[in-house]
Amino acid sequence: MEYFPLKVGTVQGRLELSSNDLGLFPYELNLKAVSAANERELQMRASLGTTQTIQAHFVSYAKTRVDYACKVRWRPVYDVKPAPSDMECKK
């Protein structure tokens, strides 16, 4: 059995499992659909001077138009320390 809700809410239903040897097993179902969590991030890591390509596949079961958003967030993974103040550069 697969419960594949498209809207947030609750639904009541009935499930009956039948076996010739064991008989009928009726179940009352109280199904609750909650809003989906955010999808995991796609992370890219490339060394300086290289490129990286990632393909992403999006599926929407909505009957209306769906807009997607893409955000690039840069997190430096290295520290650049300033030169000491007592250093002098001469020409």
C-alpha atoms as a PDB file:
ATOM      1  CA  MET A   1       0.000   0.000   0.000  1.00  0.00           C
ATOM      2  CA  GLU A   2       1.261   3.456  -0.850  1.00  0.00           C
ATOM      3  CA  TYR A   3      -0.210   6.719   0.457  1.00  0.00           C
ATOM      4  CA  PHE A   4       0.745   9.545  -1.886  1.00  0.00           C
ATOM      5  CA  PRO A   5      -1.010  12.747  -0.773  1.00  0.00           C
ATOM      6  CA  LEU A   6      -0.799  15.942  -2.793  1.00  0.00           C
ATOM      7  CA  LYS A   7      -2.462  18.216  -0.230  1.00  0.00           C
ATOM      8  CA  VAL A   8      -1.971  18.726   3.501  1.00  0.00           C
ATOM      9  CA  GLY A   9      -4.841  17.282   5.522  1.00  0.00           C
ATOM     10  CA  THR A  10      -6.342  14.166   7.055  1.00  0.00           C
ATOM     11  CA  VAL A  11      -8.291  11.373   5.396  1.00  0.00           C
ATOM     12  CA  GLN A  12     -10.084   8.380   6.843  1.00  0.00           C
ATOM     13  CA  GLY A  13     -10.280   5.125   4.948  1.00  0.00           C
ATOM     14  CA  ARG A  14     -10.680   1.393   5.249  1.00  0.00           C
ATOM     15  CA  LEU A  15      -8.236  -1.346   4.283  1.00  0.00           C
ATOM     16  CA  GLU A  16      -9.212  -4.993   4.043  1.00  0.00           C
ATOM     17  CA  LEU A  17      -6.642  -7.754   3.683  1.00  0.00           C
ATOM     18  CA  SER A  18      -7.973 -11.126   2.689  1.00  0.00           C
ATOM     19  CA  SER A  19      -6.344 -14.552   2.810  1.00  0.00           C
ATOM     20  CA  ASN A  20      -7.926 -17.896   1.915  1.00  0.00           C
ATOM     21  CA  ASP A  21      -6.141 -19.517   4.855  1.00  0.00           C
ATOM     22  CA  LEU A  22      -6.365 -16.764   7.467  1.00  0.00           C
ATOM     23  CA  GLY A  23      -9.575 -14.922   6.615  1.00  0.00           C
ATOM     24  CA  LEU A  24     -10.420 -11.227   6.399  1.00  0.00           C
ATOM     25  CA  PHE A  25      -8.516  -8.518   8.298  1.00  0.00           C
ATOM     26  CA  PRO A  26     -10.300  -5.125   8.182  1.00  0.00           C
ATOM     27  CA  TYR A  27      -8.452  -1.985   9.292  1.00  0.00           C
ATOM     28  CA  GLU A  28      -9.731   1.551   9.813  1.00  0.00           C
ATOM     29  CA  LEU A  29      -7.147   4.066   8.590  1.00  0.00           C
ATOM     30  CA  ASN A  30      -6.593   7.617   9.781  1.00  0.00           C
ATOM     31  CA  LEU A  31      -4.099   9.107   7.340  1.00  0.00           C
ATOM     32  CA  LYS A  32      -2.459  12.461   7.920  1.00  0.00           C
ATOM     33  CA  ALA A  33      -0.520  14.363   5.253  1.00  0.00           C
ATOM     34  CA  VAL A  34       1.866  17.047   6.472  1.00  0.00           C
ATOM     35  CA  SER A  35       3.698  19.664   4.436  1.00  0.00           C
ATOM     36  CA  ALA A  36       6.880  18.485   2.792  1.00  0.00           C
ATOM     37  CA  ALA A  37      10.257  19.364   4.187  1.00  0.00           C
ATOM     38  CA  ASN A  38      12.726  21.317   2.094  1.00  0.00           C
ATOM     39  CA  GLU A  39      14.707  19.280  -0.378  1.00  0.00           C
ATOM     40  CA  ARG A  40      18.323  18.657   0.436  1.00  0.00           C
ATOM     41  CA  GLU A  41      20.848  21.083  -0.966  1.00  0.00           C
ATOM     42  CA  LEU A  42      22.898  20.297  -4.023  1.00  0.00           C
ATOM     43  CA  GLN A  43      26.486  21.056  -3.137  1.00  0.00           C
ATOM     44  CA  MET A  44      29.274  21.709  -5.593  1.00  0.00           C
ATOM     45  CA  ARG A  45      32.975  21.779  -4.840  1.00  0.00           C
ATOM     46  CA  ALA A  46      35.503  22.703  -7.479  1.00  0.00           C
ATOM     47  CA  SER A  47      39.147  23.678  -7.197  1.00  0.00           C
ATOM     48  CA  LEU A  48      40.293  27.024  -8.560  1.00  0.00           C
ATOM     49  CA  GLY A  49      40.429  26.983 -12.335  1.00  0.00           C
ATOM     50  CA  THR A  50      38.192  23.928 -12.714  1.00  0.00           C
ATOM     51  CA  THR A  51      34.513  23.485 -13.441  1.00  0.00           C
ATOM     52  CA  GLN A  52      31.862  21.182 -12.077  1.00  0.00           C
ATOM     53  CA  THR A  53      28.452  20.338 -13.515  1.00  0.00           C
ATOM     54  CA  ILE A  54      25.557  18.812 -11.589  1.00  0.00           C
ATOM     55  CA  GLN A  55      22.300  17.746 -13.176  1.00  0.00           C
ATOM     56  CA  ALA A  56      19.146  18.109 -11.098  1.00  0.00           C
ATOM     57  CA  HIS A  57      15.764  16.549 -11.813  1.00  0.00           C
ATOM     58  CA  PHE A  58      12.602  18.222 -10.506  1.00  0.00           C
ATOM     59  CA  VAL A  59       9.203  16.538 -10.352  1.00  0.00           C
ATOM     60  CA  SER A  60       5.971  18.330  -9.561  1.00  0.00           C
ATOM     61  CA  TYR A  61       2.595  16.628  -9.281  1.00  0.00           C
ATOM     62  CA  ALA A  62       0.727  19.921  -8.974  1.00  0.00           C
ATOM     63  CA  LYS A  63      -2.000  20.659 -11.501  1.00  0.00           C
ATOM     64  CA  THR A  64      -1.028  24.317 -11.630  1.00  0.00           C
ATOM     65  CA  ARG A  65       2.184  26.073 -12.555  1.00  0.00           C
ATOM     66  CA  VAL A  66       5.080  25.649 -10.134  1.00  0.00           C
ATOM     67  CA  ASP A  67       7.950  28.130  -9.834  1.00  0.00           C
ATOM     68  CA  TYR A  68      11.384  26.964  -8.773  1.00  0.00           C
ATOM     69  CA  ALA A  69      14.100  29.121  -7.261  1.00  0.00           C
ATOM     70  CA  CYS A  70      17.846  28.717  -7.391  1.00  0.00           C
ATOM     71  CA  LYS A  71      20.172  30.365  -4.908  1.00  0.00           C
ATOM     72  CA  VAL A  72      23.954  30.415  -4.952  1.00  0.00           C
ATOM     73  CA  ARG A  73      25.562  30.724  -1.577  1.00  0.00           C
ATOM     74  CA  TRP A  74      29.308  31.128  -1.332  1.00  0.00           C
ATOM     75  CA  ARG A  75      30.963  29.940   1.837  1.00  0.00           C
ATOM     76  CA  PRO A  76      34.701  30.553   1.974  1.00  0.00           C
ATOM     77  CA  VAL A  77      36.610  27.463   2.986  1.00  0.00           C
ATOM     78  CA  TYR A  78      39.904  29.223   3.555  1.00  0.00           C
ATOM     79  CA  ASP A  79      41.179  32.201   5.519  1.00  0.00           C
ATOM     80  CA  VAL A  80      43.236  35.033   4.093  1.00  0.00           C
ATOM     81  CA  LYS A  81      45.274  36.640   6.821  1.00  0.00           C
ATOM     82  CA  PRO A  82      46.252  40.291   6.366  1.00  0.00           C
ATOM     83  CA  ALA A  83      49.922  41.158   6.158  1.00  0.00           C
ATOM     84  CA  PRO A  84      51.495  42.281   9.446  1.00  0.00           C
ATOM     85  CA  SER A  85      51.346  46.045   9.899  1.00  0.00           C
ATOM     86  CA  ASP A  86      55.116  46.333  10.429  1.00  0.00           C
ATOM     87  CA  MET A  87      55.839  45.092   6.884  1.00  0.00           C
ATOM     88  CA  GLU A  88      56.853  47.656   4.323  1.00  0.00           C
ATOM     89  CA  CYS A  89      56.964  47.312   0.584  1.00  0.00           C
ATOM     90  CA  LYS A  90      59.808  49.204  -1.151  1.00  0.00           C
ATOM     91  CA  LYS A  91      60.148  49.838  -4.852  1.00  0.00           C
END
